[in-house]
C-alpha atoms as a PDB file:
ATOM      1  CA  MET A   1     111.902 100.330  94.104  1.00  0.00           C
ATOM      2  CA  ILE A   2     111.108 101.457  97.622  1.00  0.00           C
ATOM      3  CA  ILE A   3     110.582 105.085  96.682  1.00  0.00           C
ATOM      4  CA  GLN A   4     108.470 103.958  93.722  1.00  0.00           C
ATOM      5  CA  ASN A   5     106.160 102.084  96.091  1.00  0.00           C
ATOM      6  CA  MET A   6     106.050 105.020  98.489  1.00  0.00           C
ATOM      7  CA  CYS A   7     105.046 107.518  95.785  1.00  0.00           C
ATOM      8  CA  GLY A   8     102.758 105.151  93.938  1.00  0.00           C
ATOM      9  CA  ASN A   9     100.630 106.188  90.992  1.00  0.00           C
ATOM     10  CA  TRP A  10      97.567 108.399  90.868  1.00  0.00           C
ATOM     11  CA  GLU A  11      94.954 109.210  88.253  1.00  0.00           C
ATOM     12  CA  ARG A  12      92.342 111.915  88.830  1.00  0.00           C
ATOM     13  CA  ALA A  13      89.812 110.104  86.632  1.00  0.00           C
ATOM     14  CA  GLY A  14      90.475 106.774  88.381  1.00  0.00           C
ATOM     15  CA  SER A  15      88.245 105.132  90.949  1.00  0.00           C
ATOM     16  CA  VAL A  16      90.112 106.770  93.863  1.00  0.00           C
ATOM     17  CA  GLY A  17      90.139 110.224  92.277  1.00  0.00           C
ATOM     18  CA  MET A  18      90.694 112.985  94.805  1.00  0.00           C
ATOM     19  CA  ALA A  19      90.335 110.598  97.799  1.00  0.00           C
ATOM     20  CA  THR A  20      93.829 109.137  97.549  1.00  0.00           C
ATOM     21  CA  HIS A  21      95.598 108.093 100.750  1.00  0.00           C
ATOM     22  CA  GLY A  22      99.273 108.876 100.014  1.00  0.00           C
ATOM     23  CA  ALA A  23     100.484 112.326 101.107  1.00  0.00           C
ATOM     24  CA  PHE A  24     102.365 112.855  97.853  1.00  0.00           C
ATOM     25  CA  ALA A  25      99.279 112.120  95.745  1.00  0.00           C
ATOM     26  CA  GLN A  26      97.038 114.041  98.150  1.00  0.00           C
ATOM     27  CA  GLU A  27      99.082 117.197  97.720  1.00  0.00           C
ATOM     28  CA  ILE A  28      99.051 116.948  93.938  1.00  0.00           C
ATOM     29  CA  SER A  29      95.329 116.162  93.819  1.00  0.00           C
ATOM     30  CA  SER A  30      94.229 118.751  96.405  1.00  0.00           C
ATOM     31  CA  LYS A  31      96.030 121.517  94.501  1.00  0.00           C
ATOM     32  CA  SER A  32      94.851 120.136  91.117  1.00  0.00           C
ATOM     33  CA  LEU A  33      98.443 120.234  89.885  1.00  0.00           C
ATOM     34  CA  ALA A  34      98.118 117.255  87.517  1.00  0.00           C
ATOM     35  CA  HIS A  35      95.653 114.942  85.857  1.00  0.00           C
ATOM     36  CA  GLY A  36      97.738 112.013  87.072  1.00  0.00           C
ATOM     37  CA  PHE A  37     101.232 110.690  87.649  1.00  0.00           C
ATOM     38  CA  ALA A  38     103.078 107.410  87.460  1.00  0.00           C
ATOM     39  CA  THR A  39     106.408 106.409  88.927  1.00  0.00           C
ATOM     40  CA  PHE A  40     108.855 104.123  87.196  1.00  0.00           C
ATOM     41  CA  ASN A  41     111.996 102.270  88.165  1.00  0.00           C
ATOM     42  CA  THR A  42     114.328 100.498  85.752  1.00  0.00           C
ATOM     43  CA  LEU A  43     117.135  98.309  87.063  1.00  0.00           C
ATOM     44  CA  TYR A  44     120.369  97.596  85.225  1.00  0.00           C
ATOM     45  CA  LYS A  45     123.368  95.481  86.161  1.00  0.00           C
ATOM     46  CA  ASP A  46     125.023  98.074  88.392  1.00  0.00           C
ATOM     47  CA  THR A  47     122.762 101.126  88.294  1.00  0.00           C
ATOM     48  CA  GLY A  48     119.155 102.133  87.770  1.00  0.00           C
ATOM     49  CA  ILE A  49     116.754 104.900  86.832  1.00  0.00           C
ATOM     50  CA  PHE A  50     113.838 106.237  88.863  1.00  0.00           C
ATOM     51  CA  GLY A  51     111.431 108.841  87.600  1.00  0.00           C
ATOM     52  CA  ILE A  52     107.994 110.346  87.772  1.00  0.00           C
ATOM     53  CA  TYR A  53     105.843 110.896  84.722  1.00  0.00           C
ATOM     54  CA  ALA A  54     103.116 113.501  85.318  1.00  0.00           C
ATOM     55  CA  ARG A  55     100.346 114.766  83.047  1.00  0.00           C
ATOM     56  CA  GLY A  56      98.585 118.074  83.459  1.00  0.00           C
ATOM     57  CA  GLU A  57      98.133 121.647  82.290  1.00  0.00           C
ATOM     58  CA  SER A  58     101.265 123.461  81.131  1.00  0.00           C
ATOM     59  CA  LYS A  59     100.473 126.543  83.251  1.00  0.00           C
ATOM     60  CA  LYS A  60     100.662 124.382  86.409  1.00  0.00           C
ATOM     61  CA  ALA A  61     103.891 122.612  85.390  1.00  0.00           C
ATOM     62  CA  PRO A  62     106.265 124.867  87.406  1.00  0.00           C
ATOM     63  CA  GLU A  63     104.322 124.299  90.637  1.00  0.00           C
ATOM     64  CA  LEU A  64     103.997 120.569  89.898  1.00  0.00           C
ATOM     65  CA  VAL A  65     107.761 120.214  89.370  1.00  0.00           C
ATOM     66  CA  LYS A  66     108.476 122.147  92.597  1.00  0.00           C
ATOM     67  CA  THR A  67     106.045 119.898  94.486  1.00  0.00           C
ATOM     68  CA  ILE A  68     107.613 116.714  93.109  1.00  0.00           C
ATOM     69  CA  LEU A  69     111.155 117.885  93.908  1.00  0.00           C
ATOM     70  CA  ARG A  70     110.219 119.055  97.408  1.00  0.00           C
ATOM     71  CA  ASN A  71     108.578 115.711  98.174  1.00  0.00           C
ATOM     72  CA  MET A  72     111.589 113.776  96.862  1.00  0.00           C
ATOM     73  CA  MET A  73     113.908 115.833  99.087  1.00  0.00           C
ATOM     74  CA  GLU A  74     111.581 115.236 102.045  1.00  0.00           C
ATOM     75  CA  TYR A  75     111.750 111.482 101.442  1.00  0.00           C
ATOM     76  CA  CYS A  76     115.559 111.727 101.560  1.00  0.00           C
ATOM     77  CA  LYS A  77     115.349 113.316 105.018  1.00  0.00           C
ATOM     78  CA  THR A  78     112.516 111.363 106.618  1.00  0.00           C
ATOM     79  CA  VAL A  79     112.577 107.767 105.369  1.00  0.00           C
ATOM     80  CA  TRP A  80     113.658 105.050 107.771  1.00  0.00           C
ATOM     81  CA  ASP A  81     112.797 101.374 108.133  1.00  0.00           C
ATOM     82  CA  GLY A  82     109.570 101.981 110.075  1.00  0.00           C
ATOM     83  CA  ARG A  83     108.192 104.317 107.386  1.00  0.00           C
ATOM     84  CA  MET A  84     108.357 101.697 104.646  1.00  0.00           C
ATOM     85  CA  ASP A  85     105.156  99.921 105.637  1.00  0.00           C
ATOM     86  CA  GLY A  86     102.870 101.935 103.341  1.00  0.00           C
ATOM     87  CA  PRO A  87     102.409 105.140 101.359  1.00  0.00           C
ATOM     88  CA  LEU A  88     103.531 108.415 102.890  1.00  0.00           C
END
C-alpha cells in the first residue's frame, strides 16, 4: 500500500494534467509516455498483488514499461521512513 500511495494515479486529461507533483508521474507526463496510469494493490490472507495499469500509444509502450520498471527499482533502493511523507 505504501508504494501505491507513493506512485499515485495520473490522468493527462484530469485537472492536474501535466502539472503533477510526483516525480514518477512527472517523468511519464513530461515525456508523453501515457495518457494516464493507475496503481492498484490487492491484499489476501498471506500475500498480495501490486500493479500499475497504464494507457497510451502502442509505439510508446516499450519506453513506458522501461520507465515504470526503472522507477520501481529506484524505489527499492531509495525508500526509507522519512521518504514516506508524500509522493516522490
